[in-house]
Amino acid sequence: MFQVTRPQSSQDWQDYYHLRWQILRAPWQQPRGSEQDEFEQDAEHRFIKNKEGQVLGVARLHFNSSDQAQVRYMAVDQTHRNQNIGSRLLHELELCAWQQNAQELVLFARDRAVEFYKAHGYEVVEKAHLMYGDIQHWKMIKQKPSEPGWFRRPDWTQVLQDTWREDIPISDAMGIKVQSYTAWQFSTTAEIKANQNLHGTMFAGSIYSLATLTGWGATYLQLKEAEFDAAIVLSDANIKYLKPLKQAPRAVVDLPRCTGDLSVLEQGQNAKFVVPVTVYDGDLAVAEFEGVYTLLPKKH
């Protein structure tokens, strides 16, 4: 898994700026140094390196005012795209902005990046500048979501949270909430006090319910991503309890581990979607669940 960190050493900084220049300036014959501006000293810088020390992606955040932060200089090495590197960098910058009480984020996206930012909750507000007479930019803004972790498609996440509260009463009684949604992971939390047994640990049934709903939510979001509409039914499941859960219930789906062919829904056929869920007590894994969800295409 790629880890987002801050440049530390002199070599880190050289490699960080080199990738920024290489991707964002060199193709237009711009000199070294053109990849920096007057905000470098006061900005938040993030990058991703692989095990060999190669910088794969870079990004920066600075504040325009106490309420507004701006994302700039997002760049990913061309040979390492489509690996969620840009999403991971953006996620880290957003958390940084929300934690510092920003109410909105602004950025100026190139034409080819507009859809990427839309998927992460940004909206185009106006046509912006044309860089080097060649690269059209669009001003995009994202308002602070209801929860800091609602990173990708916060509008869908809000609908999911509302559906649980209004249509699945047990989720509200258990205090189940969406913690985060990214391109690579979906996670939820629950309130321990609402689910304690006489031993002061979480009911096994509550752990099962948390895992089931988390798998259901991950399935719902993947259907939305694929632009399919289907009813979701848990048709089979198994769970392995590893340790008692005492303090902080959390369930996580690593989305690349989910399997199933959703395309059969286009032919009006039922689909099966297999979702592995890990339940944690804080950072300690306490249960492993696998749910098989049958997807029933809705007739319009």
C-alpha atoms as a PDB file:
ATOM      1  CA  MET A   1       0.000   0.000   0.000  1.00  0.00           C
ATOM      2  CA  PHE A   2       1.262   3.474  -0.866  1.00  0.00           C
ATOM      3  CA  GLN A   3       1.854   5.842   2.040  1.00  0.00           C
ATOM      4  CA  VAL A   4       1.427   9.605   1.857  1.00  0.00           C
ATOM      5  CA  THR A   5       4.207  11.485   3.665  1.00  0.00           C
ATOM      6  CA  ARG A   6       5.901  14.888   3.817  1.00  0.00           C
ATOM      7  CA  PRO A   7       9.240  15.570   2.118  1.00  0.00           C
ATOM      8  CA  GLN A   8      11.933  15.620   4.810  1.00  0.00           C
ATOM      9  CA  SER A   9      15.474  15.345   3.494  1.00  0.00           C
ATOM     10  CA  SER A  10      17.218  17.501   0.937  1.00  0.00           C
ATOM     11  CA  GLN A  11      16.943  14.624  -1.531  1.00  0.00           C
ATOM     12  CA  ASP A  12      13.204  14.336  -0.825  1.00  0.00           C
ATOM     13  CA  TRP A  13      12.702  17.967  -1.728  1.00  0.00           C
ATOM     14  CA  GLN A  14      14.798  17.707  -4.880  1.00  0.00           C
ATOM     15  CA  ASP A  15      12.837  14.661  -6.042  1.00  0.00           C
ATOM     16  CA  TYR A  16       9.523  16.271  -5.054  1.00  0.00           C
ATOM     17  CA  TYR A  17      10.127  19.407  -7.123  1.00  0.00           C
ATOM     18  CA  HIS A  18      11.659  17.458  -9.979  1.00  0.00           C
ATOM     19  CA  LEU A  19       8.486  15.418 -10.507  1.00  0.00           C
ATOM     20  CA  ARG A  20       6.350  18.553 -10.236  1.00  0.00           C
ATOM     21  CA  TRP A  21       8.464  20.247 -12.927  1.00  0.00           C
ATOM     22  CA  GLN A  22       8.703  17.113 -15.089  1.00  0.00           C
ATOM     23  CA  ILE A  23       4.924  16.611 -15.293  1.00  0.00           C
ATOM     24  CA  LEU A  24       3.530  20.138 -15.060  1.00  0.00           C
ATOM     25  CA  ARG A  25       6.165  22.344 -16.707  1.00  0.00           C
ATOM     26  CA  ALA A  26       8.768  20.503 -18.799  1.00  0.00           C
ATOM     27  CA  PRO A  27       6.342  19.408 -21.586  1.00  0.00           C
ATOM     28  CA  TRP A  28       5.807  23.117 -22.311  1.00  0.00           C
ATOM     29  CA  GLN A  29       9.539  23.948 -22.279  1.00  0.00           C
ATOM     30  CA  GLN A  30       9.329  25.846 -19.004  1.00  0.00           C
ATOM     31  CA  PRO A  31      12.561  26.267 -16.984  1.00  0.00           C
ATOM     32  CA  ARG A  32      13.354  24.695 -13.621  1.00  0.00           C
ATOM     33  CA  GLY A  33      11.999  26.954 -10.889  1.00  0.00           C
ATOM     34  CA  SER A  34       8.764  27.634 -12.767  1.00  0.00           C
ATOM     35  CA  GLU A  35       7.176  24.800 -10.749  1.00  0.00           C
ATOM     36  CA  GLN A  36       7.378  26.879  -7.559  1.00  0.00           C
ATOM     37  CA  ASP A  37       5.639  30.032  -6.327  1.00  0.00           C
ATOM     38  CA  GLU A  38       5.562  32.431  -3.399  1.00  0.00           C
ATOM     39  CA  PHE A  39       3.502  30.106  -1.168  1.00  0.00           C
ATOM     40  CA  GLU A  40       6.002  27.246  -0.888  1.00  0.00           C
ATOM     41  CA  GLN A  41       7.235  28.094   2.614  1.00  0.00           C
ATOM     42  CA  ASP A  42       3.748  28.321   4.143  1.00  0.00           C
ATOM     43  CA  ALA A  43       2.133  25.413   2.286  1.00  0.00           C
ATOM     44  CA  GLU A  44       1.430  21.794   3.203  1.00  0.00           C
ATOM     45  CA  HIS A  45       3.411  19.451   0.938  1.00  0.00           C
ATOM     46  CA  ARG A  46       2.706  15.762   0.416  1.00  0.00           C
ATOM     47  CA  PHE A  47       4.223  13.053  -1.750  1.00  0.00           C
ATOM     48  CA  ILE A  48       4.232   9.300  -2.302  1.00  0.00           C
ATOM     49  CA  LYS A  49       7.384   7.250  -2.789  1.00  0.00           C
ATOM     50  CA  ASN A  50       7.732   3.566  -3.618  1.00  0.00           C
ATOM     51  CA  LYS A  51      10.017   1.138  -1.791  1.00  0.00           C
ATOM     52  CA  GLU A  52      12.877   2.066  -4.098  1.00  0.00           C
ATOM     53  CA  GLY A  53      12.596   5.716  -3.118  1.00  0.00           C
ATOM     54  CA  GLN A  54      11.145   6.899  -6.430  1.00  0.00           C
ATOM     55  CA  VAL A  55       8.625   9.730  -6.077  1.00  0.00           C
ATOM     56  CA  LEU A  56       5.366   8.662  -7.729  1.00  0.00           C
ATOM     57  CA  GLY A  57       3.111  11.604  -6.940  1.00  0.00           C
ATOM     58  CA  VAL A  58       3.157  15.080  -5.405  1.00  0.00           C
ATOM     59  CA  ALA A  59       0.592  17.643  -4.258  1.00  0.00           C
ATOM     60  CA  ARG A  60       0.380  20.876  -2.273  1.00  0.00           C
ATOM     61  CA  LEU A  61      -2.155  22.777  -0.163  1.00  0.00           C
ATOM     62  CA  HIS A  62      -2.125  26.426   0.893  1.00  0.00           C
ATOM     63  CA  PHE A  63      -4.688  28.733   2.479  1.00  0.00           C
ATOM     64  CA  ASN A  64      -6.096  31.717   0.584  1.00  0.00           C
ATOM     65  CA  SER A  65      -8.026  32.784   3.699  1.00  0.00           C
ATOM     66  CA  SER A  66      -9.043  31.279   7.024  1.00  0.00           C
ATOM     67  CA  ASP A  67     -12.056  29.653   5.327  1.00  0.00           C
ATOM     68  CA  GLN A  68     -10.635  28.662   1.950  1.00  0.00           C
ATOM     69  CA  ALA A  69      -7.741  26.365   1.076  1.00  0.00           C
ATOM     70  CA  GLN A  70      -6.387  25.675  -2.399  1.00  0.00           C
ATOM     71  CA  VAL A  71      -5.002  22.483  -3.923  1.00  0.00           C
ATOM     72  CA  ARG A  72      -2.169  23.020  -6.394  1.00  0.00           C
ATOM     73  CA  TYR A  73       0.559  21.160  -8.245  1.00  0.00           C
ATOM     74  CA  MET A  74      -1.063  17.710  -8.256  1.00  0.00           C
ATOM     75  CA  ALA A  75       1.165  15.478 -10.373  1.00  0.00           C
ATOM     76  CA  VAL A  76       1.526  11.708 -10.769  1.00  0.00           C
ATOM     77  CA  ASP A  77       4.319   9.874 -12.586  1.00  0.00           C
ATOM     78  CA  GLN A  78       2.978   8.744 -15.954  1.00  0.00           C
ATOM     79  CA  THR A  79       4.026   5.118 -15.465  1.00  0.00           C
ATOM     80  CA  HIS A  80       2.163   4.854 -12.153  1.00  0.00           C
ATOM     81  CA  ARG A  81      -1.263   6.241 -13.000  1.00  0.00           C
ATOM     82  CA  ASN A  82      -4.561   4.452 -12.310  1.00  0.00           C
ATOM     83  CA  GLN A  83      -3.255   3.277  -8.933  1.00  0.00           C
ATOM     84  CA  ASN A  84      -5.185   5.804  -6.796  1.00  0.00           C
ATOM     85  CA  ILE A  85      -2.017   7.804  -6.150  1.00  0.00           C
ATOM     86  CA  GLY A  86      -3.706  11.096  -7.013  1.00  0.00           C
ATOM     87  CA  SER A  87      -6.739  10.155  -4.915  1.00  0.00           C
ATOM     88  CA  ARG A  88      -4.591   9.305  -1.903  1.00  0.00           C
ATOM     89  CA  LEU A  89      -2.732  12.616  -2.138  1.00  0.00           C
ATOM     90  CA  LEU A  90      -5.956  14.583  -2.521  1.00  0.00           C
ATOM     91  CA  HIS A  91      -7.529  12.729   0.396  1.00  0.00           C
ATOM     92  CA  GLU A  92      -4.624  13.648   2.652  1.00  0.00           C
ATOM     93  CA  LEU A  93      -4.744  17.321   1.631  1.00  0.00           C
ATOM     94  CA  GLU A  94      -8.485  17.470   2.231  1.00  0.00           C
ATOM     95  CA  LEU A  95      -8.175  16.015   5.724  1.00  0.00           C
ATOM     96  CA  CYS A  96      -5.475  18.587   6.431  1.00  0.00           C
ATOM     97  CA  ALA A  97      -7.719  21.411   5.215  1.00  0.00           C
ATOM     98  CA  TRP A  98     -10.814  20.295   7.148  1.00  0.00           C
ATOM     99  CA  GLN A  99      -8.784  19.779  10.327  1.00  0.00           C
ATOM    100  CA  GLN A 100      -7.595  23.380  10.033  1.00  0.00           C
ATOM    101  CA  ASN A 101     -11.221  24.581   9.790  1.00  0.00           C
ATOM    102  CA  ALA A 102     -11.361  25.306   6.065  1.00  0.00           C
ATOM    103  CA  GLN A 103     -14.955  25.502   4.868  1.00  0.00           C
ATOM    104  CA  GLU A 104     -14.198  25.006   1.188  1.00  0.00           C
ATOM    105  CA  LEU A 105     -11.465  23.888  -1.162  1.00  0.00           C
ATOM    106  CA  VAL A 106     -10.719  25.491  -4.505  1.00  0.00           C
ATOM    107  CA  LEU A 107      -8.551  24.300  -7.378  1.00  0.00           C
ATOM    108  CA  PHE A 108      -7.989  25.008 -11.048  1.00  0.00           C
ATOM    109  CA  ALA A 109      -8.253  21.772 -12.997  1.00  0.00           C
ATOM    110  CA  ARG A 110      -6.923  21.080 -16.442  1.00  0.00           C
ATOM    111  CA  ASP A 111      -9.462  19.756 -18.967  1.00  0.00           C
ATOM    112  CA  ARG A 112      -8.348  16.158 -18.592  1.00  0.00           C
ATOM    113  CA  ALA A 113      -8.600  16.262 -14.784  1.00  0.00           C
ATOM    114  CA  VAL A 114     -12.110  17.700 -14.454  1.00  0.00           C
ATOM    115  CA  GLU A 115     -13.868  14.317 -14.258  1.00  0.00           C
ATOM    116  CA  PHE A 116     -11.380  13.088 -11.651  1.00  0.00           C
ATOM    117  CA  TYR A 117     -12.188  16.001  -9.375  1.00  0.00           C
ATOM    118  CA  LYS A 118     -15.932  15.715  -9.997  1.00  0.00           C
ATOM    119  CA  ALA A 119     -15.760  12.145  -8.710  1.00  0.00           C
ATOM    120  CA  HIS A 120     -14.317  13.525  -5.484  1.00  0.00           C
ATOM    121  CA  GLY A 121     -17.058  16.076  -4.901  1.00  0.00           C
ATOM    122  CA  TYR A 122     -15.730  19.151  -6.704  1.00  0.00           C
ATOM    123  CA  GLU A 123     -18.024  21.265  -8.865  1.00  0.00           C
ATOM    124  CA  VAL A 124     -17.082  23.434 -11.823  1.00  0.00           C
ATOM    125  CA  VAL A 125     -17.969  27.064 -11.091  1.00  0.00           C
ATOM    126  CA  GLU A 126     -16.412  28.834 -14.069  1.00  0.00           C
ATOM    127  CA  LYS A 127     -14.030  28.641 -16.982  1.00  0.00           C
ATOM    128  CA  ALA A 128     -10.630  29.890 -15.855  1.00  0.00           C
ATOM    129  CA  HIS A 129      -7.299  30.700 -17.492  1.00  0.00           C
ATOM    130  CA  LEU A 130      -5.624  29.208 -20.570  1.00  0.00           C
ATOM    131  CA  MET A 131      -2.078  28.261 -19.622  1.00  0.00           C
ATOM    132  CA  TYR A 132       0.689  28.601 -22.208  1.00  0.00           C
ATOM    133  CA  GLY A 133      -2.002  29.165 -24.820  1.00  0.00           C
ATOM    134  CA  ASP A 134      -2.727  25.448 -24.742  1.00  0.00           C
ATOM    135  CA  ILE A 135      -4.098  24.145 -21.419  1.00  0.00           C
ATOM    136  CA  GLN A 136      -7.625  25.167 -20.478  1.00  0.00           C
ATOM    137  CA  HIS A 137      -8.264  25.330 -16.724  1.00  0.00           C
ATOM    138  CA  TRP A 138     -11.572  25.245 -14.838  1.00  0.00           C
ATOM    139  CA  LYS A 139     -12.207  26.669 -11.409  1.00  0.00           C
ATOM    140  CA  MET A 140     -13.677  23.975  -9.161  1.00  0.00           C
ATOM    141  CA  ILE A 141     -14.877  24.138  -5.555  1.00  0.00           C
ATOM    142  CA  LYS A 142     -15.757  21.579  -2.904  1.00  0.00           C
ATOM    143  CA  GLN A 143     -17.650  22.503   0.237  1.00  0.00           C
ATOM    144  CA  LYS A 144     -16.715  20.860   3.523  1.00  0.00           C
ATOM    145  CA  PRO A 145     -18.682  17.585   3.746  1.00  0.00           C
ATOM    146  CA  SER A 146     -20.756  16.516   6.729  1.00  0.00           C
ATOM    147  CA  GLU A 147     -17.897  14.219   7.814  1.00  0.00           C
ATOM    148  CA  PRO A 148     -14.187  14.725   7.022  1.00  0.00           C
ATOM    149  CA  GLY A 149     -13.801  11.167   5.702  1.00  0.00           C
ATOM    150  CA  TRP A 150     -16.547  11.537   3.088  1.00  0.00           C
ATOM    151  CA  PHE A 151     -14.002  12.024   0.360  1.00  0.00           C
ATOM    152  CA  ARG A 152     -15.291  10.383  -2.789  1.00  0.00           C
ATOM    153  CA  ARG A 153     -18.863  11.149  -3.909  1.00  0.00           C
ATOM    154  CA  PRO A 154     -19.992  12.766  -0.634  1.00  0.00           C
ATOM    155  CA  ASP A 155     -23.482  13.195  -2.107  1.00  0.00           C
ATOM    156  CA  TRP A 156     -23.820   9.416  -2.471  1.00  0.00           C
ATOM    157  CA  THR A 157     -22.420   8.893   1.008  1.00  0.00           C
ATOM    158  CA  GLN A 158     -25.043  11.240   2.437  1.00  0.00           C
ATOM    159  CA  VAL A 159     -27.833   9.340   0.677  1.00  0.00           C
ATOM    160  CA  LEU A 160     -26.457   6.060   2.034  1.00  0.00           C
ATOM    161  CA  GLN A 161     -26.310   7.429   5.576  1.00  0.00           C
ATOM    162  CA  ASP A 162     -29.879   8.769   5.280  1.00  0.00           C
ATOM    163  CA  THR A 163     -31.116   5.426   3.877  1.00  0.00           C
ATOM    164  CA  TRP A 164     -29.689   3.540   6.821  1.00  0.00           C
ATOM    165  CA  ARG A 165     -31.218   5.942   9.311  1.00  0.00           C
ATOM    166  CA  GLU A 166     -34.664   6.045   7.701  1.00  0.00           C
ATOM    167  CA  ASP A 167     -35.104   2.534   6.241  1.00  0.00           C
ATOM    168  CA  ILE A 168     -32.923   0.249   8.377  1.00  0.00           C
ATOM    169  CA  PRO A 169     -33.763   1.136  12.007  1.00  0.00           C
ATOM    170  CA  ILE A 170     -31.176  -1.198  13.515  1.00  0.00           C
ATOM    171  CA  SER A 171     -28.381   0.888  12.008  1.00  0.00           C
ATOM    172  CA  ASP A 172     -29.555   3.986  13.863  1.00  0.00           C
ATOM    173  CA  ALA A 173     -30.018   2.060  17.118  1.00  0.00           C
ATOM    174  CA  MET A 174     -26.473   0.716  16.826  1.00  0.00           C
ATOM    175  CA  GLY A 175     -25.067   4.141  16.000  1.00  0.00           C
ATOM    176  CA  ILE A 176     -23.634   2.970  12.679  1.00  0.00           C
ATOM    177  CA  LYS A 177     -22.175   5.774  10.583  1.00  0.00           C
ATOM    178  CA  VAL A 178     -20.152   6.042   7.415  1.00  0.00           C
ATOM    179  CA  GLN A 179     -16.612   6.913   8.448  1.00  0.00           C
ATOM    180  CA  SER A 180     -14.918   7.205   5.048  1.00  0.00           C
ATOM    181  CA  TYR A 181     -15.293   6.466   1.361  1.00  0.00           C
ATOM    182  CA  THR A 182     -12.343   6.612  -1.000  1.00  0.00           C
ATOM    183  CA  ALA A 183     -11.532   4.967  -4.312  1.00  0.00           C
ATOM    184  CA  TRP A 184      -9.806   2.146  -2.439  1.00  0.00           C
ATOM    185  CA  GLN A 185     -11.690   1.735   0.855  1.00  0.00           C
ATOM    186  CA  PHE A 186     -15.061   2.047   2.580  1.00  0.00           C
ATOM    187  CA  SER A 187     -15.351   2.117   6.374  1.00  0.00           C
ATOM    188  CA  THR A 188     -17.963   2.555   9.074  1.00  0.00           C
ATOM    189  CA  THR A 189     -18.094   2.985  12.837  1.00  0.00           C
ATOM    190  CA  ALA A 190     -20.591   2.062  15.555  1.00  0.00           C
ATOM    191  CA  GLU A 191     -21.201   3.158  19.145  1.00  0.00           C
ATOM    192  CA  ILE A 192     -19.835   0.677  21.664  1.00  0.00           C
ATOM    193  CA  LYS A 193     -22.295   1.670  24.436  1.00  0.00           C
ATOM    194  CA  ALA A 194     -25.270   0.847  22.225  1.00  0.00           C
ATOM    195  CA  ASN A 195     -23.928  -2.655  21.548  1.00  0.00           C
ATOM    196  CA  GLN A 196     -22.422  -3.882  24.832  1.00  0.00           C
ATOM    197  CA  ASN A 197     -23.230  -7.211  26.419  1.00  0.00           C
ATOM    198  CA  LEU A 198     -23.022  -8.018  30.127  1.00  0.00           C
ATOM    199  CA  HIS A 199     -19.259  -8.571  29.775  1.00  0.00           C
ATOM    200  CA  GLY A 200     -18.702  -5.018  28.552  1.00  0.00           C
ATOM    201  CA  THR A 201     -17.805  -6.170  25.031  1.00  0.00           C
ATOM    202  CA  MET A 202     -19.704  -5.866  21.760  1.00  0.00           C
ATOM    203  CA  PHE A 203     -22.443  -8.419  21.108  1.00  0.00           C
ATOM    204  CA  ALA A 204     -21.406 -10.990  18.498  1.00  0.00           C
ATOM    205  CA  GLY A 205     -24.710 -10.238  16.766  1.00  0.00           C
ATOM    206  CA  SER A 206     -23.870  -6.531  16.672  1.00  0.00           C
ATOM    207  CA  ILE A 207     -20.485  -7.280  15.108  1.00  0.00           C
ATOM    208  CA  TYR A 208     -22.250  -9.405  12.492  1.00  0.00           C
ATOM    209  CA  SER A 209     -24.800  -6.642  11.815  1.00  0.00           C
ATOM    210  CA  LEU A 210     -22.076  -3.996  11.516  1.00  0.00           C
ATOM    211  CA  ALA A 211     -20.182  -6.165   9.023  1.00  0.00           C
ATOM    212  CA  THR A 212     -23.353  -6.954   7.057  1.00  0.00           C
ATOM    213  CA  LEU A 213     -24.366  -3.298   6.721  1.00  0.00           C
ATOM    214  CA  THR A 214     -20.825  -2.247   5.857  1.00  0.00           C
ATOM    215  CA  GLY A 215     -20.720  -4.840   3.077  1.00  0.00           C
ATOM    216  CA  TRP A 216     -24.173  -3.673   1.942  1.00  0.00           C
ATOM    217  CA  GLY A 217     -22.976  -0.063   1.862  1.00  0.00           C
ATOM    218  CA  ALA A 218     -19.855  -0.938  -0.116  1.00  0.00           C
ATOM    219  CA  THR A 219     -22.036  -2.813  -2.612  1.00  0.00           C
ATOM    220  CA  TYR A 220     -24.411   0.144  -2.918  1.00  0.00           C
ATOM    221  CA  LEU A 221     -21.521   2.504  -3.682  1.00  0.00           C
ATOM    222  CA  GLN A 222     -19.956   0.170  -6.243  1.00  0.00           C
ATOM    223  CA  LEU A 223     -23.320  -0.094  -8.000  1.00  0.00           C
ATOM    224  CA  LYS A 224     -23.438   3.705  -8.129  1.00  0.00           C
ATOM    225  CA  GLU A 225     -19.918   3.828  -9.541  1.00  0.00           C
ATOM    226  CA  ALA A 226     -20.898   1.347 -12.253  1.00  0.00           C
ATOM    227  CA  GLU A 227     -24.146   3.285 -12.940  1.00  0.00           C
ATOM    228  CA  PHE A 228     -26.421   0.320 -12.205  1.00  0.00           C
ATOM    229  CA  ASP A 229     -29.646   0.282 -10.199  1.00  0.00           C
ATOM    230  CA  ALA A 230     -30.380  -2.913  -8.288  1.00  0.00           C
ATOM    231  CA  ALA A 231     -31.862  -4.154  -5.030  1.00  0.00           C
ATOM    232  CA  ILE A 232     -29.231  -5.597  -2.674  1.00  0.00           C
ATOM    233  CA  VAL A 233     -29.942  -8.774  -0.702  1.00  0.00           C
ATOM    234  CA  LEU A 234     -27.512 -10.655   1.549  1.00  0.00           C
ATOM    235  CA  SER A 235     -27.755 -14.255   0.294  1.00  0.00           C
ATOM    236  CA  ASP A 236     -24.868 -15.921   2.128  1.00  0.00           C
ATOM    237  CA  ALA A 237     -22.245 -14.984   4.697  1.00  0.00           C
ATOM    238  CA  ASN A 238     -19.680 -16.318   7.093  1.00  0.00           C
ATOM    239  CA  ILE A 239     -17.826 -14.696   9.949  1.00  0.00           C
ATOM    240  CA  LYS A 240     -14.839 -15.583  12.076  1.00  0.00           C
ATOM    241  CA  TYR A 241     -14.568 -13.929  15.485  1.00  0.00           C
ATOM    242  CA  LEU A 242     -10.939 -13.359  16.460  1.00  0.00           C
ATOM    243  CA  LYS A 243     -11.006 -11.298  19.659  1.00  0.00           C
ATOM    244  CA  PRO A 244     -13.515  -9.497  21.909  1.00  0.00           C
ATOM    245  CA  LEU A 245     -14.364  -5.967  20.820  1.00  0.00           C
ATOM    246  CA  LYS A 246     -14.141  -3.640  23.819  1.00  0.00           C
ATOM    247  CA  GLN A 247     -13.849   0.011  22.778  1.00  0.00           C
ATOM    248  CA  ALA A 248     -14.024   1.341  19.215  1.00  0.00           C
ATOM    249  CA  PRO A 249     -16.057  -0.636  16.637  1.00  0.00           C
ATOM    250  CA  ARG A 250     -14.963  -0.039  13.059  1.00  0.00           C
ATOM    251  CA  ALA A 251     -15.558  -2.068   9.885  1.00  0.00           C
ATOM    252  CA  VAL A 252     -13.481  -1.766   6.716  1.00  0.00           C
ATOM    253  CA  VAL A 253     -13.885  -2.960   3.130  1.00  0.00           C
ATOM    254  CA  ASP A 254     -10.798  -2.859   0.919  1.00  0.00           C
ATOM    255  CA  LEU A 255     -12.636  -2.308  -2.359  1.00  0.00           C
ATOM    256  CA  PRO A 256     -10.117  -4.004  -4.702  1.00  0.00           C
ATOM    257  CA  ARG A 257     -10.796  -7.267  -2.811  1.00  0.00           C
ATOM    258  CA  CYS A 258     -14.491  -7.265  -3.757  1.00  0.00           C
ATOM    259  CA  THR A 259     -15.397  -9.631  -6.593  1.00  0.00           C
ATOM    260  CA  GLY A 260     -18.340 -10.046  -8.911  1.00  0.00           C
ATOM    261  CA  ASP A 261     -19.492  -9.288 -12.438  1.00  0.00           C
ATOM    262  CA  LEU A 262     -21.944  -6.393 -12.286  1.00  0.00           C
ATOM    263  CA  SER A 263     -22.238  -6.152 -16.064  1.00  0.00           C
ATOM    264  CA  VAL A 264     -24.805  -8.998 -16.184  1.00  0.00           C
ATOM    265  CA  LEU A 265     -27.296  -6.550 -14.688  1.00  0.00           C
ATOM    266  CA  GLU A 266     -27.453  -4.899 -18.118  1.00  0.00           C
ATOM    267  CA  GLN A 267     -29.056  -8.089 -19.477  1.00  0.00           C
ATOM    268  CA  GLY A 268     -31.584  -8.110 -16.644  1.00  0.00           C
ATOM    269  CA  GLN A 269     -29.802 -10.963 -14.864  1.00  0.00           C
ATOM    270  CA  ASN A 270     -29.139 -11.199 -11.142  1.00  0.00           C
ATOM    271  CA  ALA A 271     -25.535 -10.613 -10.116  1.00  0.00           C
ATOM    272  CA  LYS A 272     -23.526 -11.768  -7.125  1.00  0.00           C
ATOM    273  CA  PHE A 273     -21.055  -9.497  -5.371  1.00  0.00           C
ATOM    274  CA  VAL A 274     -18.675 -10.905  -2.769  1.00  0.00           C
ATOM    275  CA  VAL A 275     -17.500  -8.429  -0.134  1.00  0.00           C
ATOM    276  CA  PRO A 276     -14.811  -9.164   2.487  1.00  0.00           C
ATOM    277  CA  VAL A 277     -15.187  -7.004   5.620  1.00  0.00           C
ATOM    278  CA  THR A 278     -12.710  -6.702   8.477  1.00  0.00           C
ATOM    279  CA  VAL A 279     -14.052  -5.520  11.833  1.00  0.00           C
ATOM    280  CA  TYR A 280     -11.635  -3.692  14.104  1.00  0.00           C
ATOM    281  CA  ASP A 281     -11.454  -2.504  17.684  1.00  0.00           C
ATOM    282  CA  GLY A 282      -9.582   0.688  16.872  1.00  0.00           C
ATOM    283  CA  ASP A 283      -6.662  -0.712  14.849  1.00  0.00           C
ATOM    284  CA  LEU A 284      -6.920  -4.299  16.152  1.00  0.00           C
ATOM    285  CA  ALA A 285      -8.656  -6.789  13.831  1.00  0.00           C
ATOM    286  CA  VAL A 286     -11.326  -8.666  15.807  1.00  0.00           C
ATOM    287  CA  ALA A 287     -13.468 -10.347  13.127  1.00  0.00           C
ATOM    288  CA  GLU A 288     -13.330 -11.392   9.473  1.00  0.00           C
ATOM    289  CA  PHE A 289     -16.595 -11.439   7.509  1.00  0.00           C
ATOM    290  CA  GLU A 290     -17.406 -12.340   3.933  1.00  0.00           C
ATOM    291  CA  GLY A 291     -20.820 -11.517   2.544  1.00  0.00           C
ATOM    292  CA  VAL A 292     -22.329 -12.671  -0.720  1.00  0.00           C
ATOM    293  CA  TYR A 293     -24.833 -10.071  -1.911  1.00  0.00           C
ATOM    294  CA  THR A 294     -27.334 -10.903  -4.637  1.00  0.00           C
ATOM    295  CA  LEU A 295     -28.161  -7.913  -6.821  1.00  0.00           C
ATOM    296  CA  LEU A 296     -31.629  -7.835  -8.367  1.00  0.00           C
ATOM    297  CA  PRO A 297     -31.946  -5.450 -11.326  1.00  0.00           C
ATOM    298  CA  LYS A 298     -34.773  -2.997 -10.915  1.00  0.00           C
ATOM    299  CA  LYS A 299     -37.328  -2.784 -13.696  1.00  0.00           C
ATOM    300  CA  HIS A 300     -38.075   0.757 -14.870  1.00  0.00           C
END
